[in-house]
Protein backbone atom coordinates (compact mmCIF):
# COMPACT_ATOMS: atom_id res chain seq x y z
CA MET A 1 47.22 50.96 17.58
CA HIS A 2 45.13 52.89 20.44
CA HIS A 3 44.76 56.55 20.04
CA ILE A 4 44.74 58.92 23.07
CA LEU A 5 43.74 62.47 23.22
CA ILE A 6 45.56 64.17 25.49
CA VAL A 7 43.78 67.36 26.59
CA GLU A 8 46.09 70.13 28.10
CA ASP A 9 47.45 73.98 28.31
CA ASP A 10 50.85 73.46 29.99
CA PHE A 11 52.69 72.56 27.05
CA ASP A 12 55.37 71.12 29.07
CA ILE A 13 53.32 68.44 30.46
CA ALA A 14 51.74 67.58 27.50
CA GLU A 15 54.90 66.54 25.71
CA GLN A 16 55.84 65.15 28.04
CA VAL A 17 52.73 62.58 28.93
CA MET A 18 52.86 62.04 24.42
CA LEU A 19 56.44 61.32 24.71
CA PHE A 20 55.67 58.02 27.39
CA PHE A 21 52.41 57.03 25.24
CA LYS A 22 54.11 57.19 22.20
CA ALA A 23 57.02 55.22 23.48
CA SER A 24 54.59 52.35 24.44
CA GLY A 25 52.93 52.13 21.25
CA PHE A 26 50.05 54.65 21.37
CA GLN A 27 48.94 57.17 18.95
CA THR A 28 47.96 60.57 20.29
CA THR A 29 46.52 64.08 19.46
CA HIS A 30 47.30 66.98 22.00
CA ILE A 31 44.19 69.81 22.44
CA ALA A 32 44.90 72.69 24.68
CA ASP A 33 41.62 74.54 24.22
CA GLY A 34 38.61 73.57 26.03
CA ALA A 35 36.27 74.38 23.15
CA GLN A 36 37.81 72.09 20.77
CA VAL A 37 37.46 69.29 22.57
CA VAL A 38 33.82 68.17 21.93
CA PRO A 39 33.83 68.74 18.71
CA TRP A 40 37.03 66.61 18.18
CA VAL A 41 35.82 63.79 20.04
CA GLN A 42 32.56 64.16 17.87
CA ASP A 43 34.41 63.78 14.34
CA ASN A 44 36.96 61.21 15.94
CA GLN A 45 36.29 58.61 18.73
CA PRO A 46 39.57 58.17 20.48
CA ASP A 47 39.96 55.36 22.45
CA ALA A 48 40.94 56.94 25.82
CA ILE A 49 40.85 60.54 26.67
CA VAL A 50 43.47 62.63 29.44
CA MET A 51 42.09 65.93 30.40
CA ASP A 52 42.96 68.60 32.51
CA ILE A 53 40.33 70.13 34.54
CA MET A 54 41.78 73.77 34.48
CA LEU A 55 41.04 74.58 30.64
CA PRO A 56 40.65 78.11 28.85
CA ASN A 57 37.04 78.27 27.23
CA GLN A 58 35.66 75.33 28.42
CA ASP A 59 37.04 73.35 31.91
CA GLY A 60 37.42 69.81 31.76
CA VAL A 61 34.43 68.36 33.68
CA GLU A 62 32.27 70.42 31.37
CA CYS A 63 34.34 69.07 28.73
CA MET A 64 33.31 65.35 29.98
CA LYS A 65 29.49 66.21 30.99
CA GLN A 66 28.60 66.96 27.38
CA ILE A 67 31.44 64.09 25.56
CA ARG A 68 29.33 61.60 28.46
CA LEU A 69 25.81 62.68 26.43
CA PHE A 70 27.04 60.68 23.50
CA SER A 71 30.05 58.73 23.85
CA MET A 72 31.09 56.06 27.09
CA VAL A 73 35.21 56.44 25.72
CA PRO A 74 37.16 55.83 29.15
CA ILE A 75 38.05 59.49 30.60
CA VAL A 76 41.46 60.19 33.02
CA MET A 77 41.27 63.60 34.59
CA MET A 78 44.48 64.85 35.25
CA THR A 79 44.00 67.81 38.41
CA ALA A 80 46.18 70.14 40.93
CA LYS A 81 43.05 69.51 43.47
CA VAL A 82 43.64 66.80 46.08
CA ALA A 83 40.17 66.96 48.23
CA GLU A 84 38.32 64.09 48.00
CA ALA A 85 35.20 65.91 47.09
CA ASP A 86 36.61 67.09 44.20
CA ARG A 87 37.71 63.79 42.99
CA LEU A 88 34.31 61.91 43.65
CA LYS A 89 33.05 65.13 41.63
CA GLY A 90 34.68 63.88 38.88
CA LEU A 91 33.96 60.37 39.02
CA GLU A 92 30.21 61.16 39.45
CA PHE A 93 30.42 62.85 36.38
CA GLY A 94 31.97 60.50 34.70
CA ALA A 95 35.31 60.38 34.78
CA ASP A 96 36.98 56.70 35.11
CA ASP A 97 39.99 57.40 36.68
CA TYR A 98 41.99 60.63 37.95
CA VAL A 99 45.60 61.51 38.74
CA CYS A 100 46.36 64.60 41.02
CA LYS A 101 49.42 67.07 39.71
CA PRO A 102 52.36 66.75 40.05
CA PHE A 103 52.30 62.32 38.45
CA SER A 104 54.37 60.53 36.88
CA ALA A 105 53.68 59.97 33.30
CA ALA A 106 54.75 56.25 33.16
CA GLU A 107 51.97 55.46 35.75
CA LEU A 108 49.53 57.55 34.00
CA VAL A 109 50.18 55.38 31.03
CA MET A 110 49.74 52.26 33.48
CA ARG A 111 46.38 53.40 34.06
CA ILE A 112 45.15 53.84 30.95
CA LYS A 113 46.93 50.85 29.53
CA ALA A 114 44.40 49.38 32.75
CA ILE A 115 41.30 50.99 31.77
CA LEU A 116 41.48 49.38 28.01
CA ARG A 117 41.93 46.28 29.11
CA ARG A 118 38.78 46.45 31.29
CA CYS A 119 36.64 48.48 28.67
CA LEU A 120 37.20 46.14 26.47
CA PRO A 121 37.04 42.77 27.76
CA THR A 122 38.30 39.61 25.72
CA ALA A 123 35.71 37.28 23.24
CA GLU A 124 35.63 34.86 26.23
CA THR A 125 34.23 36.95 28.38
CA GLN A 126 31.37 38.71 25.62
CA GLN A 127 30.37 35.66 25.01
CA LYS A 128 29.75 35.04 28.67
CA VAL A 129 27.08 37.34 29.03
CA ILE A 130 23.94 38.49 26.12
CA VAL A 131 21.99 41.20 26.58
CA ASP A 132 19.41 41.55 24.06
CA GLU A 133 17.45 44.93 23.75
CA SER A 134 15.08 43.83 21.59
CA GLN A 135 13.53 41.25 24.11
CA LEU A 136 14.48 42.94 27.07
CA SER A 137 16.63 40.00 28.19
CA VAL A 138 19.78 38.65 29.66
CA ALA A 139 22.09 35.50 29.61
CA ILE A 140 24.65 34.90 31.71
CA CYS A 141 26.86 31.57 30.20
CA ASN A 142 23.59 30.51 28.89
CA LYS A 143 21.41 30.88 31.93
CA SER A 144 18.76 33.58 31.36
CA LEU A 145 18.73 36.25 34.04
CA SER A 146 15.09 37.29 34.88
CA LEU A 147 14.59 40.86 35.11
CA THR A 148 12.07 43.57 35.27
CA LYS A 149 12.14 46.09 33.04
CA VAL A 150 13.75 48.96 35.01
CA GLU A 151 16.35 45.97 36.03
CA PHE A 152 17.01 45.78 32.64
CA ASP A 153 17.31 49.07 31.78
CA VAL A 154 19.87 49.25 34.85
CA PHE A 155 22.17 46.37 34.26
CA ALA A 156 22.55 47.38 30.48
CA LEU A 157 23.33 50.77 30.86
CA LEU A 158 26.22 49.53 33.47
CA TYR A 159 27.01 46.61 31.22
CA ASN A 160 27.39 49.01 28.09
CA ALA A 161 30.07 51.02 29.78
CA PRO A 162 32.16 48.25 31.79
CA SER A 163 33.97 50.06 34.45
CA ARG A 164 32.59 53.20 34.23
CA VAL A 165 30.99 54.59 37.38
CA PHE A 166 27.66 55.92 37.18
CA SER A 167 26.24 57.85 40.21
CA ARG A 168 22.52 56.90 41.58
CA GLN A 169 21.40 59.79 40.09
CA GLN A 170 22.60 59.34 36.49
CA ILE A 171 21.27 55.69 36.45
CA LEU A 172 17.80 57.34 37.71
CA ASP A 173 17.92 59.69 35.27
CA PHE A 174 18.42 57.17 32.18
CA ILE A 175 15.90 55.13 33.60
CA GLN A 176 13.15 57.97 34.84
CA PRO A 177 13.88 61.19 32.98
CA ASP A 178 11.22 62.73 34.57
CA ASN A 179 11.79 61.95 38.19
CA PHE A 180 11.19 65.14 40.19
CA ASP A 181 9.50 63.07 42.74
CA ILE A 182 12.12 60.54 43.06
CA SER A 183 14.53 59.89 45.24
CA ASP A 184 17.79 58.44 43.86
CA ARG A 185 18.00 55.83 46.56
CA VAL A 186 15.42 54.39 44.85
CA ILE A 187 18.48 53.07 42.75
CA ASP A 188 20.00 50.76 45.40
CA SER A 189 16.90 48.75 45.30
CA HIS A 190 17.07 47.74 42.24
CA ILE A 191 21.01 47.10 42.17
CA LYS A 192 20.03 44.56 44.98
CA ASN A 193 17.61 43.24 43.41
CA ILE A 194 19.76 42.73 40.64
CA ARG A 195 22.86 41.13 42.77
CA LYS A 196 19.98 38.59 44.28
CA LYS A 197 19.03 36.89 40.73
CA VAL A 198 22.75 37.35 39.87
CA LYS A 199 23.87 35.06 42.86
CA GLN A 200 20.59 33.03 42.23
CA LEU A 201 22.66 31.61 39.08
CA GLY A 202 26.00 30.89 40.54
CA PHE A 203 27.93 34.23 39.97
CA SER A 204 29.40 36.91 41.87
CA ALA A 205 26.98 39.11 43.33
CA LYS A 206 29.80 41.90 42.62
CA LEU A 207 29.58 41.72 38.83
CA ILE A 208 27.54 44.69 39.84
CA GLY A 209 30.63 46.60 41.66
CA SER A 210 30.20 49.99 44.11
CA VAL A 211 32.47 52.46 44.14
CA TYR A 212 31.79 54.12 47.78
CA GLY A 213 30.76 57.56 47.66
CA ALA A 214 30.34 57.58 43.87
CA GLY A 215 27.88 55.25 42.12
CA TYR A 216 27.64 51.67 40.42
CA ARG A 217 29.31 49.95 37.81
CA TYR A 218 29.76 46.59 35.81
CA ASP A 219 32.88 44.31 36.61
CA ALA A 220 33.24 42.10 33.60
CA GLN A 221 36.43 40.49 35.69
CA GLN A 222 34.01 39.12 38.17
CA LEU A 223 33.18 36.71 35.43
CA GLU A 224 36.39 35.74 34.50
CA ASP A 225 37.64 35.20 38.04
CA GLY A 226 34.77 32.87 38.71
CA THR A 227 31.62 32.16 40.60
CA SER A 228 31.23 33.53 44.28
């Protein structure tokens, strides 16, 4: 049974959301105080988080930024803000999806189910790609993907958090922490090279997908759908 953390200080909204999740067979926990979120996630490791942005003591974006330092758990943000800039900011800091209030609780449950399906690839899909961090090697359907050290680091980061969107800056911070004089646009070049090499093996370059204005993600569904 999947365990969903609901972070919402409006108890009426929280109760409605929890009822829909429970009716769909999920276990739920409710937290209303932003300051309690990160310690709870560290101790309990939920399968997904639904989190409001406006919270007492610590807002949802700050909670998400701290969680992303140690966990890739799927996070769906709930927000009254509807501007594109606000949505992109949430994606940039690590959100997997968002819903704008007022929203349908039934639709929220369906979004979580879809995210969990993407983030928990089937055994067949897992066998198609083998990432060996000890040897810095990647194999797709038993075909060796020849990557440089930096390209491997980028691929492994995306692969280990399927469907999560990483901004260029987040990827750059991961592969080169001391990057003060490096433009995040260098990531585009690395992604282009990885896609070219994936395509040369006969697979879809969309295995490394783009999210306009937000960044890149690993899309395991491309292997299930077949080659390009």
